[in-house]
Each structure stands twice: as C-alpha cells, then as structure tokens.
Amino acid sequence: MWRMIAETIIYLIMACTSIASTIAVYLTIKEKDLVKAVIYSALQSALYTIIYFLLLTPDVVLVYLPVAVGLIPGVFLILISKTERWEKE
C-alpha cells in the first residue's frame, strides 16, 4: 500500500513538473527580452532534470544538468551581450 502511495506521489510530481516545463517553454518563445528567455529556458531544463531524476536516470541527470542549465545559458548570455538584448519585431 505504501509503495502505491509513493508511486502516485512521484507521478504527481512528474505531472506538475511537466506542466511547469511546458509553461517555461511557452514563456521562452513569447519573451522579447532575450536574457529573460534564456532564464526561462534554463528553468525548463532544470525541470526536465527533475523528471529525469524521478525516472531513475542519474547518469543523464549528471550530464544534462551542467550542460543544459549552466553551459548553454552561459554561452547564450555571452552571445546576447555581443548583440542587442531586445528582440526586434
């Protein structure tokens, strides 16, 4: 019985994380401020990392977290600093 309750809680956390990551993707696409868009993208990647962790794939988490949350947004922020921060319409 306790195992079924624990699995249900994990599935609920995964569902909420999936919905939150979908919202983060939407905000990333609609944002005109490129720095905020990079932050939303990093948030989406962090939420995916939580899902991977709950799916018991620690090797994917150990690679995805520093690359998708740290390295790629860092490179994007450097590129944005070389151009304009706001997207033109």
C-alpha atoms as a PDB file:
ATOM      1  CA  MET A   1       0.000   0.000   0.000  1.00  0.00           C
ATOM      2  CA  TRP A   2       2.778   2.443   0.904  1.00  0.00           C
ATOM      3  CA  ARG A   3       4.557   1.653  -2.349  1.00  0.00           C
ATOM      4  CA  MET A   4       1.463   2.554  -4.348  1.00  0.00           C
ATOM      5  CA  ILE A   5       1.121   5.844  -2.464  1.00  0.00           C
ATOM      6  CA  ALA A   6       4.797   6.658  -3.071  1.00  0.00           C
ATOM      7  CA  GLU A   7       4.474   5.897  -6.787  1.00  0.00           C
ATOM      8  CA  THR A   8       1.373   8.073  -7.008  1.00  0.00           C
ATOM      9  CA  ILE A   9       3.224  10.959  -5.365  1.00  0.00           C
ATOM     10  CA  ILE A  10       6.125  10.554  -7.789  1.00  0.00           C
ATOM     11  CA  TYR A  11       3.735  10.552 -10.743  1.00  0.00           C
ATOM     12  CA  LEU A  12       2.024  13.697  -9.436  1.00  0.00           C
ATOM     13  CA  ILE A  13       5.373  15.447  -9.054  1.00  0.00           C
ATOM     14  CA  MET A  14       6.303  14.417 -12.590  1.00  0.00           C
ATOM     15  CA  ALA A  15       2.973  15.702 -13.935  1.00  0.00           C
ATOM     16  CA  CYS A  16       3.331  19.055 -12.179  1.00  0.00           C
ATOM     17  CA  THR A  17       6.941  19.361 -13.355  1.00  0.00           C
ATOM     18  CA  SER A  18       5.884  18.574 -16.929  1.00  0.00           C
ATOM     19  CA  ILE A  19       3.190  21.247 -16.850  1.00  0.00           C
ATOM     20  CA  ALA A  20       5.621  23.778 -15.370  1.00  0.00           C
ATOM     21  CA  SER A  21       8.226  22.971 -18.033  1.00  0.00           C
ATOM     22  CA  THR A  22       5.612  23.450 -20.761  1.00  0.00           C
ATOM     23  CA  ILE A  23       4.786  26.855 -19.304  1.00  0.00           C
ATOM     24  CA  ALA A  24       8.503  27.714 -19.225  1.00  0.00           C
ATOM     25  CA  VAL A  25       8.827  26.767 -22.911  1.00  0.00           C
ATOM     26  CA  TYR A  26       5.846  28.973 -23.781  1.00  0.00           C
ATOM     27  CA  LEU A  27       7.353  31.895 -21.840  1.00  0.00           C
ATOM     28  CA  THR A  28      10.685  31.340 -23.578  1.00  0.00           C
ATOM     29  CA  ILE A  29       9.089  31.554 -27.004  1.00  0.00           C
ATOM     30  CA  LYS A  30       6.926  34.614 -26.241  1.00  0.00           C
ATOM     31  CA  GLU A  31       9.544  36.676 -24.365  1.00  0.00           C
ATOM     32  CA  LYS A  32      11.003  39.685 -26.211  1.00  0.00           C
ATOM     33  CA  ASP A  33      13.794  40.206 -23.652  1.00  0.00           C
ATOM     34  CA  LEU A  34      16.424  37.671 -24.665  1.00  0.00           C
ATOM     35  CA  VAL A  35      18.005  37.454 -21.195  1.00  0.00           C
ATOM     36  CA  LYS A  36      14.663  36.508 -19.668  1.00  0.00           C
ATOM     37  CA  ALA A  37      14.159  33.981 -22.465  1.00  0.00           C
ATOM     38  CA  VAL A  38      17.493  32.341 -21.580  1.00  0.00           C
ATOM     39  CA  ILE A  39      16.469  32.210 -17.919  1.00  0.00           C
ATOM     40  CA  TYR A  40      13.145  30.582 -18.817  1.00  0.00           C
ATOM     41  CA  SER A  41      14.990  28.084 -20.991  1.00  0.00           C
ATOM     42  CA  ALA A  42      17.341  27.216 -18.129  1.00  0.00           C
ATOM     43  CA  LEU A  43      14.311  26.795 -15.845  1.00  0.00           C
ATOM     44  CA  GLN A  44      12.757  24.412 -18.361  1.00  0.00           C
ATOM     45  CA  SER A  45      15.980  22.405 -18.452  1.00  0.00           C
ATOM     46  CA  ALA A  46      16.109  22.257 -14.657  1.00  0.00           C
ATOM     47  CA  LEU A  47      12.542  20.954 -14.578  1.00  0.00           C
ATOM     48  CA  TYR A  48      13.446  18.286 -17.133  1.00  0.00           C
ATOM     49  CA  THR A  49      16.335  17.314 -14.879  1.00  0.00           C
ATOM     50  CA  ILE A  50      13.890  16.702 -12.026  1.00  0.00           C
ATOM     51  CA  ILE A  51      11.848  14.441 -14.303  1.00  0.00           C
ATOM     52  CA  TYR A  52      14.960  12.509 -15.329  1.00  0.00           C
ATOM     53  CA  PHE A  53      15.896  12.101 -11.668  1.00  0.00           C
ATOM     54  CA  LEU A  54      12.449  10.751 -10.801  1.00  0.00           C
ATOM     55  CA  LEU A  55      12.722   8.320 -13.711  1.00  0.00           C
ATOM     56  CA  LEU A  56      15.880   6.960 -12.044  1.00  0.00           C
ATOM     57  CA  THR A  57      18.373   8.004 -14.730  1.00  0.00           C
ATOM     58  CA  PRO A  58      21.184   9.544 -12.661  1.00  0.00           C
ATOM     59  CA  ASP A  59      23.724   9.337 -15.490  1.00  0.00           C
ATOM     60  CA  VAL A  60      21.521  11.519 -17.700  1.00  0.00           C
ATOM     61  CA  VAL A  61      20.972  13.951 -14.813  1.00  0.00           C
ATOM     62  CA  LEU A  62      24.710  14.276 -14.169  1.00  0.00           C
ATOM     63  CA  VAL A  63      25.344  15.222 -17.801  1.00  0.00           C
ATOM     64  CA  TYR A  64      22.181  17.204 -18.581  1.00  0.00           C
ATOM     65  CA  LEU A  65      22.243  19.465 -15.519  1.00  0.00           C
ATOM     66  CA  PRO A  66      25.614  21.185 -16.013  1.00  0.00           C
ATOM     67  CA  VAL A  67      25.281  21.374 -19.789  1.00  0.00           C
ATOM     68  CA  ALA A  68      21.645  22.451 -20.176  1.00  0.00           C
ATOM     69  CA  VAL A  69      21.386  24.616 -17.052  1.00  0.00           C
ATOM     70  CA  GLY A  70      24.918  26.013 -16.884  1.00  0.00           C
ATOM     71  CA  LEU A  71      26.936  25.851 -20.072  1.00  0.00           C
ATOM     72  CA  ILE A  72      24.359  26.579 -22.784  1.00  0.00           C
ATOM     73  CA  PRO A  73      22.692  29.536 -20.989  1.00  0.00           C
ATOM     74  CA  GLY A  74      26.150  30.900 -20.239  1.00  0.00           C
ATOM     75  CA  VAL A  75      27.101  30.799 -23.901  1.00  0.00           C
ATOM     76  CA  PHE A  76      23.771  32.381 -24.863  1.00  0.00           C
ATOM     77  CA  LEU A  77      24.279  35.189 -22.347  1.00  0.00           C
ATOM     78  CA  ILE A  78      27.738  35.882 -23.779  1.00  0.00           C
ATOM     79  CA  LEU A  79      26.251  35.981 -27.280  1.00  0.00           C
ATOM     80  CA  ILE A  80      23.448  38.300 -26.157  1.00  0.00           C
ATOM     81  CA  SER A  81      25.998  40.648 -24.586  1.00  0.00           C
ATOM     82  CA  LYS A  82      27.661  40.945 -28.019  1.00  0.00           C
ATOM     83  CA  THR A  83      24.358  41.872 -29.697  1.00  0.00           C
ATOM     84  CA  GLU A  84      21.156  43.611 -28.621  1.00  0.00           C
ATOM     85  CA  ARG A  85      19.184  42.420 -25.628  1.00  0.00           C
ATOM     86  CA  TRP A  86      15.718  43.027 -27.059  1.00  0.00           C
ATOM     87  CA  GLU A  87      14.241  41.143 -29.995  1.00  0.00           C
ATOM     88  CA  LYS A  88      13.051  43.378 -32.802  1.00  0.00           C
ATOM     89  CA  GLU A  89       9.567  42.915 -34.157  1.00  0.00           C
END
